[in-house]
Amino acid sequence: MAQKTKLTREQKFLVVSYDDDQQQWFWDYVMAADEEAPEAKVCECRPYVIAADAATLKQVRGIAGALRSRSPKKIRDQFHWDTYSDDVPSHADDKGSKPA
């Protein structure tokens, strides 16, 4: 019975980590009781990664829902808003200009 209680308290996490030497991303599914444990578990099992970040199933669903509901134009506009600033040289986009 104690094991069943333990399993019900665990949550599903998606953990994204990066190996800088190999320039490779990893996506791992991890079960854990709290939000710090999955990152630590991945870093322990993959000592070559430089960092790991975990998202709960609820967070992943929210991200997927936001992506699904946004139009391609909204995605492009948000990306430009988030990444371009006046002090950074303009990056080439699909129209070849920095957004106004």
PDB file of N, CA and C in Angstrom:
ATOM      1  N   MET A   1       0.818  -1.200   0.000  1.00  0.00           N
ATOM      2  CA  MET A   1       0.000   0.000   0.000  1.00  0.00           C
ATOM      3  C   MET A   1       0.858   1.259   0.000  1.00  0.00           C
ATOM      4  N   ALA A   2       1.992   1.228   0.706  1.00  0.00           N
ATOM      5  CA  ALA A   2       2.864   2.401   0.760  1.00  0.00           C
ATOM      6  C   ALA A   2       3.400   2.751  -0.620  1.00  0.00           C
ATOM      7  N   GLN A   3       3.698   1.745  -1.428  1.00  0.00           N
ATOM      8  CA  GLN A   3       4.222   2.016  -2.774  1.00  0.00           C
ATOM      9  C   GLN A   3       3.156   2.696  -3.630  1.00  0.00           C
ATOM     10  N   LYS A   4       1.911   2.291  -3.515  1.00  0.00           N
ATOM     11  CA  LYS A   4       0.836   2.920  -4.273  1.00  0.00           C
ATOM     12  C   LYS A   4       0.714   4.401  -3.906  1.00  0.00           C
ATOM     13  N   THR A   5       0.823   4.725  -2.616  1.00  0.00           N
ATOM     14  CA  THR A   5       0.771   6.119  -2.169  1.00  0.00           C
ATOM     15  C   THR A   5       1.917   6.912  -2.771  1.00  0.00           C
ATOM     16  N   LYS A   6       3.120   6.328  -2.780  1.00  0.00           N
ATOM     17  CA  LYS A   6       4.283   6.999  -3.356  1.00  0.00           C
ATOM     18  C   LYS A   6       4.057   7.287  -4.839  1.00  0.00           C
ATOM     19  N   LEU A   7       3.530   6.318  -5.574  1.00  0.00           N
ATOM     20  CA  LEU A   7       3.317   6.493  -7.014  1.00  0.00           C
ATOM     21  C   LEU A   7       2.279   7.572  -7.300  1.00  0.00           C
ATOM     22  N   THR A   8       1.267   7.698  -6.462  1.00  0.00           N
ATOM     23  CA  THR A   8       0.239   8.703  -6.722  1.00  0.00           C
ATOM     24  C   THR A   8       0.761  10.113  -6.470  1.00  0.00           C
ATOM     25  N   ARG A   9       1.793  10.259  -5.648  1.00  0.00           N
ATOM     26  CA  ARG A   9       2.353  11.585  -5.384  1.00  0.00           C
ATOM     27  C   ARG A   9       3.335  12.004  -6.460  1.00  0.00           C
ATOM     28  N   GLU A  10       3.863  11.074  -7.215  1.00  0.00           N
ATOM     29  CA  GLU A  10       4.819  11.433  -8.263  1.00  0.00           C
ATOM     30  C   GLU A  10       4.083  12.090  -9.426  1.00  0.00           C
ATOM     31  N   GLN A  11       4.802  12.973 -10.100  1.00  0.00           N
ATOM     32  CA  GLN A  11       4.265  13.664 -11.274  1.00  0.00           C
ATOM     33  C   GLN A  11       5.099  13.313 -12.492  1.00  0.00           C
ATOM     34  N   LYS A  12       4.514  13.532 -13.655  1.00  0.00           N
ATOM     35  CA  LYS A  12       5.224  13.362 -14.924  1.00  0.00           C
ATOM     36  C   LYS A  12       5.908  14.674 -15.276  1.00  0.00           C
ATOM     37  N   PHE A  13       7.166  14.576 -15.724  1.00  0.00           N
ATOM     38  CA  PHE A  13       7.927  15.745 -16.140  1.00  0.00           C
ATOM     39  C   PHE A  13       8.574  15.493 -17.493  1.00  0.00           C
ATOM     40  N   LEU A  14       8.687  16.539 -18.283  1.00  0.00           N
ATOM     41  CA  LEU A  14       9.516  16.549 -19.472  1.00  0.00           C
ATOM     42  C   LEU A  14      10.757  17.342 -19.094  1.00  0.00           C
ATOM     43  N   VAL A  15      11.929  16.716 -19.233  1.00  0.00           N
ATOM     44  CA  VAL A  15      13.180  17.380 -18.875  1.00  0.00           C
ATOM     45  C   VAL A  15      14.002  17.567 -20.143  1.00  0.00           C
ATOM     46  N   VAL A  16      14.378  18.804 -20.409  1.00  0.00           N
ATOM     47  CA  VAL A  16      15.206  19.139 -21.557  1.00  0.00           C
ATOM     48  C   VAL A  16      16.594  19.475 -21.038  1.00  0.00           C
ATOM     49  N   SER A  17      17.611  18.847 -21.636  1.00  0.00           N
ATOM     50  CA  SER A  17      18.993  19.115 -21.232  1.00  0.00           C
ATOM     51  C   SER A  17      19.859  19.242 -22.480  1.00  0.00           C
ATOM     52  N   TYR A  18      21.074  19.747 -22.277  1.00  0.00           N
ATOM     53  CA  TYR A  18      21.943  20.043 -23.416  1.00  0.00           C
ATOM     54  C   TYR A  18      23.375  19.625 -23.126  1.00  0.00           C
ATOM     55  N   ASP A  19      23.964  18.918 -24.081  1.00  0.00           N
ATOM     56  CA  ASP A  19      25.377  18.541 -24.032  1.00  0.00           C
ATOM     57  C   ASP A  19      26.125  19.527 -24.920  1.00  0.00           C
ATOM     58  N   ASP A  20      26.873  20.426 -24.297  1.00  0.00           N
ATOM     59  CA  ASP A  20      27.576  21.482 -25.024  1.00  0.00           C
ATOM     60  C   ASP A  20      28.689  20.928 -25.913  1.00  0.00           C
ATOM     61  N   ASP A  21      29.395  19.897 -25.461  1.00  0.00           N
ATOM     62  CA  ASP A  21      30.490  19.326 -26.252  1.00  0.00           C
ATOM     63  C   ASP A  21      29.987  18.713 -27.552  1.00  0.00           C
ATOM     64  N   GLN A  22      28.913  17.945 -27.468  1.00  0.00           N
ATOM     65  CA  GLN A  22      28.360  17.278 -28.652  1.00  0.00           C
ATOM     66  C   GLN A  22      27.305  18.129 -29.363  1.00  0.00           C
ATOM     67  N   GLN A  23      26.955  19.248 -28.771  1.00  0.00           N
ATOM     68  CA  GLN A  23      25.908  20.132 -29.282  1.00  0.00           C
ATOM     69  C   GLN A  23      24.637  19.325 -29.584  1.00  0.00           C
ATOM     70  N   GLN A  24      24.170  18.643 -28.543  1.00  0.00           N
ATOM     71  CA  GLN A  24      23.015  17.758 -28.674  1.00  0.00           C
ATOM     72  C   GLN A  24      22.025  18.016 -27.543  1.00  0.00           C
ATOM     73  N   TRP A  25      20.753  18.097 -27.904  1.00  0.00           N
ATOM     74  CA  TRP A  25      19.672  18.264 -26.935  1.00  0.00           C
ATOM     75  C   TRP A  25      19.116  16.898 -26.578  1.00  0.00           C
ATOM     76  N   PHE A  26      18.645  16.767 -25.334  1.00  0.00           N
ATOM     77  CA  PHE A  26      17.989  15.548 -24.875  1.00  0.00           C
ATOM     78  C   PHE A  26      16.636  15.911 -24.293  1.00  0.00           C
ATOM     79  N   TRP A  27      15.652  15.087 -24.573  1.00  0.00           N
ATOM     80  CA  TRP A  27      14.313  15.228 -24.019  1.00  0.00           C
ATOM     81  C   TRP A  27      14.018  13.933 -23.278  1.00  0.00           C
ATOM     82  N   ASP A  28      13.881  14.012 -21.966  1.00  0.00           N
ATOM     83  CA  ASP A  28      13.625  12.826 -21.158  1.00  0.00           C
ATOM     84  C   ASP A  28      12.301  12.967 -20.418  1.00  0.00           C
ATOM     85  N   TYR A  29      11.584  11.859 -20.310  1.00  0.00           N
ATOM     86  CA  TYR A  29      10.382  11.801 -19.488  1.00  0.00           C
ATOM     87  C   TYR A  29      10.804  11.229 -18.140  1.00  0.00           C
ATOM     88  N   VAL A  30      10.449  11.920 -17.050  1.00  0.00           N
ATOM     89  CA  VAL A  30      10.892  11.533 -15.716  1.00  0.00           C
ATOM     90  C   VAL A  30       9.706  11.597 -14.759  1.00  0.00           C
ATOM     91  N   MET A  31       9.630  10.624 -13.869  1.00  0.00           N
ATOM     92  CA  MET A  31       8.661  10.634 -12.780  1.00  0.00           C
ATOM     93  C   MET A  31       9.377  11.123 -11.526  1.00  0.00           C
ATOM     94  N   ALA A  32       8.769  12.078 -10.814  1.00  0.00           N
ATOM     95  CA  ALA A  32       9.387  12.611  -9.601  1.00  0.00           C
ATOM     96  C   ALA A  32       8.321  13.228  -8.710  1.00  0.00           C
ATOM     97  N   ALA A  33       8.657  13.352  -7.430  1.00  0.00           N
ATOM     98  CA  ALA A  33       7.714  13.878  -6.446  1.00  0.00           C
ATOM     99  C   ALA A  33       7.678  15.403  -6.413  1.00  0.00           C
ATOM    100  N   ASP A  34       8.784  16.066  -6.816  1.00  0.00           N
ATOM    101  CA  ASP A  34       8.801  17.529  -6.795  1.00  0.00           C
ATOM    102  C   ASP A  34       9.550  18.048  -8.015  1.00  0.00           C
ATOM    103  N   GLU A  35       9.526  19.365  -8.197  1.00  0.00           N
ATOM    104  CA  GLU A  35      10.050  19.960  -9.426  1.00  0.00           C
ATOM    105  C   GLU A  35      11.570  20.016  -9.507  1.00  0.00           C
ATOM    106  N   GLU A  36      12.281  19.870  -8.399  1.00  0.00           N
ATOM    107  CA  GLU A  36      13.747  19.892  -8.442  1.00  0.00           C
ATOM    108  C   GLU A  36      14.320  18.518  -8.766  1.00  0.00           C
ATOM    109  N   ALA A  37      13.633  17.471  -8.360  1.00  0.00           N
ATOM    110  CA  ALA A  37      14.140  16.108  -8.508  1.00  0.00           C
ATOM    111  C   ALA A  37      14.389  15.679  -9.957  1.00  0.00           C
ATOM    112  N   PRO A  38      13.504  15.989 -10.909  1.00  0.00           N
ATOM    113  CA  PRO A  38      13.752  15.507 -12.272  1.00  0.00           C
ATOM    114  C   PRO A  38      15.009  16.106 -12.895  1.00  0.00           C
ATOM    115  N   GLU A  39      15.277  17.374 -12.630  1.00  0.00           N
ATOM    116  CA  GLU A  39      16.482  18.009 -13.171  1.00  0.00           C
ATOM    117  C   GLU A  39      17.729  17.361 -12.581  1.00  0.00           C
ATOM    118  N   ALA A  40      17.712  17.137 -11.270  1.00  0.00           N
ATOM    119  CA  ALA A  40      18.854  16.502 -10.602  1.00  0.00           C
ATOM    120  C   ALA A  40      19.063  15.087 -11.115  1.00  0.00           C
ATOM    121  N   LYS A  41      17.967  14.366 -11.332  1.00  0.00           N
ATOM    122  CA  LYS A  41      18.052  12.992 -11.812  1.00  0.00           C
ATOM    123  C   LYS A  41      18.694  12.942 -13.205  1.00  0.00           C
ATOM    124  N   VAL A  42      18.271  13.831 -14.095  1.00  0.00           N
ATOM    125  CA  VAL A  42      18.828  13.856 -15.444  1.00  0.00           C
ATOM    126  C   VAL A  42      20.305  14.253 -15.408  1.00  0.00           C
ATOM    127  N   CYS A  43      20.645  15.258 -14.618  1.00  0.00           N
ATOM    128  CA  CYS A  43      22.049  15.677 -14.532  1.00  0.00           C
ATOM    129  C   CYS A  43      22.924  14.574 -13.945  1.00  0.00           C
ATOM    130  N   GLU A  44      22.366  13.787 -13.041  1.00  0.00           N
ATOM    131  CA  GLU A  44      23.122  12.672 -12.466  1.00  0.00           C
ATOM    132  C   GLU A  44      23.307  11.560 -13.500  1.00  0.00           C
ATOM    133  N   CYS A  45      22.258  11.256 -14.237  1.00  0.00           N
ATOM    134  CA  CYS A  45      22.326  10.173 -15.232  1.00  0.00           C
ATOM    135  C   CYS A  45      23.038  10.596 -16.512  1.00  0.00           C
ATOM    136  N   ARG A  46      23.052  11.882 -16.783  1.00  0.00           N
ATOM    137  CA  ARG A  46      23.735  12.429 -17.960  1.00  0.00           C
ATOM    138  C   ARG A  46      24.750  13.467 -17.479  1.00  0.00           C
ATOM    139  N   PRO A  47      25.877  13.034 -16.906  1.00  0.00           N
ATOM    140  CA  PRO A  47      26.837  13.982 -16.325  1.00  0.00           C
ATOM    141  C   PRO A  47      27.482  14.916 -17.355  1.00  0.00           C
ATOM    142  N   TYR A  48      27.299  14.627 -18.623  1.00  0.00           N
ATOM    143  CA  TYR A  48      27.883  15.440 -19.689  1.00  0.00           C
ATOM    144  C   TYR A  48      27.008  16.629 -20.071  1.00  0.00           C
ATOM    145  N   VAL A  49      25.785  16.741 -19.536  1.00  0.00           N
ATOM    146  CA  VAL A  49      24.950  17.892 -19.876  1.00  0.00           C
ATOM    147  C   VAL A  49      25.332  19.081 -19.009  1.00  0.00           C
ATOM    148  N   ILE A  50      25.169  20.292 -19.569  1.00  0.00           N
ATOM    149  CA  ILE A  50      25.552  21.493 -18.828  1.00  0.00           C
ATOM    150  C   ILE A  50      24.409  22.018 -17.965  1.00  0.00           C
ATOM    151  N   ALA A  51      23.180  21.656 -18.297  1.00  0.00           N
ATOM    152  CA  ALA A  51      22.025  22.097 -17.527  1.00  0.00           C
ATOM    153  C   ALA A  51      20.804  21.296 -17.945  1.00  0.00           C
ATOM    154  N   ALA A  52      19.799  21.311 -17.083  1.00  0.00           N
ATOM    155  CA  ALA A  52      18.534  20.645 -17.384  1.00  0.00           C
ATOM    156  C   ALA A  52      17.404  21.515 -16.859  1.00  0.00           C
ATOM    157  N   ASP A  53      16.283  21.470 -17.545  1.00  0.00           N
ATOM    158  CA  ASP A  53      15.110  22.224 -17.126  1.00  0.00           C
ATOM    159  C   ASP A  53      13.904  21.306 -17.236  1.00  0.00           C
ATOM    160  N   ALA A  54      13.059  21.306 -16.210  1.00  0.00           N
ATOM    161  CA  ALA A  54      11.908  20.411 -16.166  1.00  0.00           C
ATOM    162  C   ALA A  54      10.605  21.187 -16.288  1.00  0.00           C
ATOM    163  N   ALA A  55       9.643  20.558 -16.942  1.00  0.00           N
ATOM    164  CA  ALA A  55       8.291  21.106 -17.035  1.00  0.00           C
ATOM    165  C   ALA A  55       7.310  20.002 -16.664  1.00  0.00           C
ATOM    166  N   THR A  56       6.299  20.365 -15.880  1.00  0.00           N
ATOM    167  CA  THR A  56       5.266  19.399 -15.511  1.00  0.00           C
ATOM    168  C   THR A  56       4.404  19.109 -16.739  1.00  0.00           C
ATOM    169  N   LEU A  57       3.636  18.034 -16.656  1.00  0.00           N
ATOM    170  CA  LEU A  57       2.712  17.703 -17.732  1.00  0.00           C
ATOM    171  C   LEU A  57       1.743  18.862 -17.966  1.00  0.00           C
ATOM    172  N   LYS A  58       1.278  19.499 -16.892  1.00  0.00           N
ATOM    173  CA  LYS A  58       0.371  20.647 -17.030  1.00  0.00           C
ATOM    174  C   LYS A  58       1.050  21.785 -17.794  1.00  0.00           C
ATOM    175  N   GLN A  59       2.317  22.055 -17.473  1.00  0.00           N
ATOM    176  CA  GLN A  59       3.052  23.114 -18.174  1.00  0.00           C
ATOM    177  C   GLN A  59       3.245  22.758 -19.654  1.00  0.00           C
ATOM    178  N   VAL A  60       3.561  21.501 -19.937  1.00  0.00           N
ATOM    179  CA  VAL A  60       3.754  21.068 -21.324  1.00  0.00           C
ATOM    180  C   VAL A  60       2.451  21.207 -22.102  1.00  0.00           C
ATOM    181  N   ARG A  61       1.355  20.814 -21.477  1.00  0.00           N
ATOM    182  CA  ARG A  61       0.047  20.968 -22.139  1.00  0.00           C
ATOM    183  C   ARG A  61      -0.256  22.434 -22.410  1.00  0.00           C
ATOM    184  N   GLY A  62       0.083  23.314 -21.462  1.00  0.00           N
ATOM    185  CA  GLY A  62      -0.131  24.746 -21.657  1.00  0.00           C
ATOM    186  C   GLY A  62       0.695  25.293 -22.808  1.00  0.00           C
ATOM    187  N   ILE A  63       1.946  24.863 -22.889  1.00  0.00           N
ATOM    188  CA  ILE A  63       2.826  25.287 -23.985  1.00  0.00           C
ATOM    189  C   ILE A  63       2.271  24.800 -25.318  1.00  0.00           C
ATOM    190  N   ALA A  64       1.884  23.521 -25.360  1.00  0.00           N
ATOM    191  CA  ALA A  64       1.341  22.955 -26.603  1.00  0.00           C
ATOM    192  C   ALA A  64       0.046  23.650 -27.006  1.00  0.00           C
ATOM    193  N   GLY A  65      -0.806  23.944 -26.042  1.00  0.00           N
ATOM    194  CA  GLY A  65      -2.062  24.638 -26.336  1.00  0.00           C
ATOM    195  C   GLY A  65      -1.821  26.040 -26.860  1.00  0.00           C
ATOM    196  N   ALA A  66      -0.867  26.747 -26.264  1.00  0.00           N
ATOM    197  CA  ALA A  66      -0.544  28.097 -26.722  1.00  0.00           C
ATOM    198  C   ALA A  66       0.011  28.067 -28.145  1.00  0.00           C
ATOM    199  N   LEU A  67       0.860  27.095 -28.431  1.00  0.00           N
ATOM    200  CA  LEU A  67       1.415  26.963 -29.776  1.00  0.00           C
ATOM    201  C   LEU A  67       0.314  26.629 -30.786  1.00  0.00           C
ATOM    202  N   ARG A  68      -0.557  25.700 -30.413  1.00  0.00           N
ATOM    203  CA  ARG A  68      -1.632  25.278 -31.310  1.00  0.00           C
ATOM    204  C   ARG A  68      -2.580  26.435 -31.616  1.00  0.00           C
ATOM    205  N   SER A  69      -2.847  27.294 -30.634  1.00  0.00           N
ATOM    206  CA  SER A  69      -3.844  28.348 -30.822  1.00  0.00           C
ATOM    207  C   SER A  69      -3.305  29.597 -31.527  1.00  0.00           C
ATOM    208  N   ARG A  70      -1.987  29.729 -31.633  1.00  0.00           N
ATOM    209  CA  ARG A  70      -1.415  30.927 -32.260  1.00  0.00           C
ATOM    210  C   ARG A  70      -1.324  30.764 -33.775  1.00  0.00           C
ATOM    211  N   SER A  71      -1.617  31.838 -34.449  1.00  0.00           N
ATOM    212  CA  SER A  71      -1.481  31.843 -35.904  1.00  0.00           C
ATOM    213  C   SER A  71       0.001  31.955 -36.271  1.00  0.00           C
ATOM    214  N   PRO A  72       0.376  31.543 -37.491  1.00  0.00           N
ATOM    215  CA  PRO A  72       1.768  31.718 -37.915  1.00  0.00           C
ATOM    216  C   PRO A  72       2.230  33.175 -37.800  1.00  0.00           C
ATOM    217  N   LYS A  73       1.358  34.132 -38.132  1.00  0.00           N
ATOM    218  CA  LYS A  73       1.729  35.548 -38.026  1.00  0.00           C
ATOM    219  C   LYS A  73       2.017  35.924 -36.575  1.00  0.00           C
ATOM    220  N   LYS A  74       1.175  35.481 -35.656  1.00  0.00           N
ATOM    221  CA  LYS A  74       1.367  35.788 -34.237  1.00  0.00           C
ATOM    222  C   LYS A  74       2.685  35.188 -33.736  1.00  0.00           C
ATOM    223  N   ILE A  75       3.002  33.975 -34.174  1.00  0.00           N
ATOM    224  CA  ILE A  75       4.259  33.336 -33.775  1.00  0.00           C
ATOM    225  C   ILE A  75       5.446  34.139 -34.289  1.00  0.00           C
ATOM    226  N   ARG A  76       5.410  34.529 -35.575  1.00  0.00           N
ATOM    227  CA  ARG A  76       6.504  35.338 -36.135  1.00  0.00           C
ATOM    228  C   ARG A  76       6.644  36.667 -35.397  1.00  0.00           C
ATOM    229  N   ASP A  77       5.503  37.352 -35.184  1.00  0.00           N
ATOM    230  CA  ASP A  77       5.532  38.655 -34.501  1.00  0.00           C
ATOM    231  C   ASP A  77       6.089  38.520 -33.085  1.00  0.00           C
ATOM    232  N   GLN A  78       5.657  37.502 -32.352  1.00  0.00           N
ATOM    233  CA  GLN A  78       6.131  37.320 -30.982  1.00  0.00           C
ATOM    234  C   GLN A  78       7.623  37.006 -30.955  1.00  0.00           C
ATOM    235  N   PHE A  79       8.076  36.167 -31.886  1.00  0.00           N
ATOM    236  CA  PHE A  79       9.502  35.844 -31.952  1.00  0.00           C
ATOM    237  C   PHE A  79      10.323  37.099 -32.213  1.00  0.00           C
ATOM    238  N   HIS A  80       9.893  37.917 -33.162  1.00  0.00           N
ATOM    239  CA  HIS A  80      10.603  39.164 -33.453  1.00  0.00           C
ATOM    240  C   HIS A  80      10.595  40.089 -32.239  1.00  0.00           C
ATOM    241  N   TRP A  81       9.462  40.202 -31.578  1.00  0.00           N
ATOM    242  CA  TRP A  81       9.354  41.061 -30.395  1.00  0.00           C
ATOM    243  C   TRP A  81      10.303  40.590 -29.297  1.00  0.00           C
ATOM    244  N   ASP A  82      10.362  39.271 -29.092  1.00  0.00           N
ATOM    245  CA  ASP A  82      11.180  38.704 -28.015  1.00  0.00           C
ATOM    246  C   ASP A  82      12.680  38.730 -28.304  1.00  0.00           C
ATOM    247  N   THR A  83      13.069  38.710 -29.568  1.00  0.00           N
ATOM    248  CA  THR A  83      14.494  38.534 -29.888  1.00  0.00           C
ATOM    249  C   THR A  83      15.186  39.743 -30.484  1.00  0.00           C
ATOM    250  N   TYR A  84      14.447  40.674 -31.050  1.00  0.00           N
ATOM    251  CA  TYR A  84      15.090  41.822 -31.676  1.00  0.00           C
ATOM    252  C   TYR A  84      14.993  43.036 -30.772  1.00  0.00           C
ATOM    253  N   SER A  85      16.074  43.788 -30.702  1.00  0.00           N
ATOM    254  CA  SER A  85      16.033  45.055 -29.979  1.00  0.00           C
ATOM    255  C   SER A  85      16.803  46.083 -30.796  1.00  0.00           C
ATOM    256  N   ASP A  86      16.703  47.344 -30.425  1.00  0.00           N
ATOM    257  CA  ASP A  86      17.376  48.397 -31.177  1.00  0.00           C
ATOM    258  C   ASP A  86      18.889  48.329 -31.059  1.00  0.00           C
ATOM    259  N   ASP A  87      19.427  47.735 -29.953  1.00  0.00           N
ATOM    260  CA  ASP A  87      20.883  47.696 -29.810  1.00  0.00           C
ATOM    261  C   ASP A  87      21.515  46.490 -30.494  1.00  0.00           C
ATOM    262  N   VAL A  88      20.694  45.584 -31.014  1.00  0.00           N
ATOM    263  CA  VAL A  88      21.235  44.395 -31.673  1.00  0.00           C
ATOM    264  C   VAL A  88      21.031  44.556 -33.175  1.00  0.00           C
ATOM    265  N   PRO A  89      22.053  44.243 -33.970  1.00  0.00           N
ATOM    266  CA  PRO A  89      21.871  44.334 -35.419  1.00  0.00           C
ATOM    267  C   PRO A  89      20.699  43.470 -35.869  1.00  0.00           C
ATOM    268  N   SER A  90      20.009  43.937 -36.857  1.00  0.00           N
ATOM    269  CA  SER A  90      18.844  43.228 -37.370  1.00  0.00           C
ATOM    270  C   SER A  90      19.235  41.865 -37.919  1.00  0.00           C
ATOM    271  N   HIS A  91      18.422  40.876 -37.590  1.00  0.00           N
ATOM    272  CA  HIS A  91      18.600  39.534 -38.145  1.00  0.00           C
ATOM    273  C   HIS A  91      17.745  39.440 -39.395  1.00  0.00           C
ATOM    274  N   ALA A  92      18.191  38.651 -40.336  1.00  0.00           N
ATOM    275  CA  ALA A  92      17.389  38.451 -41.539  1.00  0.00           C
ATOM    276  C   ALA A  92      16.184  37.599 -41.181  1.00  0.00           C
ATOM    277  N   ASP A  93      14.998  38.034 -41.557  1.00  0.00           N
ATOM    278  CA  ASP A  93      13.820  37.198 -41.384  1.00  0.00           C
ATOM    279  C   ASP A  93      13.258  36.859 -42.753  1.00  0.00           C
ATOM    280  N   ASP A  94      12.095  36.257 -42.777  1.00  0.00           N
ATOM    281  CA  ASP A  94      11.565  35.825 -44.065  1.00  0.00           C
ATOM    282  C   ASP A  94      11.193  36.992 -44.970  1.00  0.00           C
ATOM    283  N   LYS A  95      11.119  38.216 -44.445  1.00  0.00           N
ATOM    284  CA  LYS A  95      10.863  39.390 -45.285  1.00  0.00           C
ATOM    285  C   LYS A  95      12.117  40.229 -45.457  1.00  0.00           C
ATOM    286  N   GLY A  96      13.173  39.853 -44.727  1.00  0.00           N
ATOM    287  CA  GLY A  96      14.432  40.567 -44.881  1.00  0.00           C
ATOM    288  C   GLY A  96      14.520  41.877 -44.134  1.00  0.00           C
ATOM    289  N   SER A  97      13.612  42.136 -43.199  1.00  0.00           N
ATOM    290  CA  SER A  97      13.679  43.380 -42.458  1.00  0.00           C
ATOM    291  C   SER A  97      13.283  43.167 -41.005  1.00  0.00           C
ATOM    292  N   LYS A  98      13.693  44.095 -40.177  1.00  0.00           N
ATOM    293  CA  LYS A  98      13.355  44.053 -38.751  1.00  0.00           C
ATOM    294  C   LYS A  98      11.955  44.618 -38.573  1.00  0.00           C
ATOM    295  N   PRO A  99      11.145  44.005 -37.711  1.00  0.00           N
ATOM    296  CA  PRO A  99       9.787  44.526 -37.510  1.00  0.00           C
ATOM    297  C   PRO A  99       9.805  45.927 -36.925  1.00  0.00           C
ATOM    298  N   ALA A 100       8.781  46.694 -37.271  1.00  0.00           N
ATOM    299  CA  ALA A 100       8.666  48.066 -36.774  1.00  0.00           C
ATOM    300  C   ALA A 100       8.191  48.108 -35.361  1.00  0.00           C
TER     301      ALA A 100
END
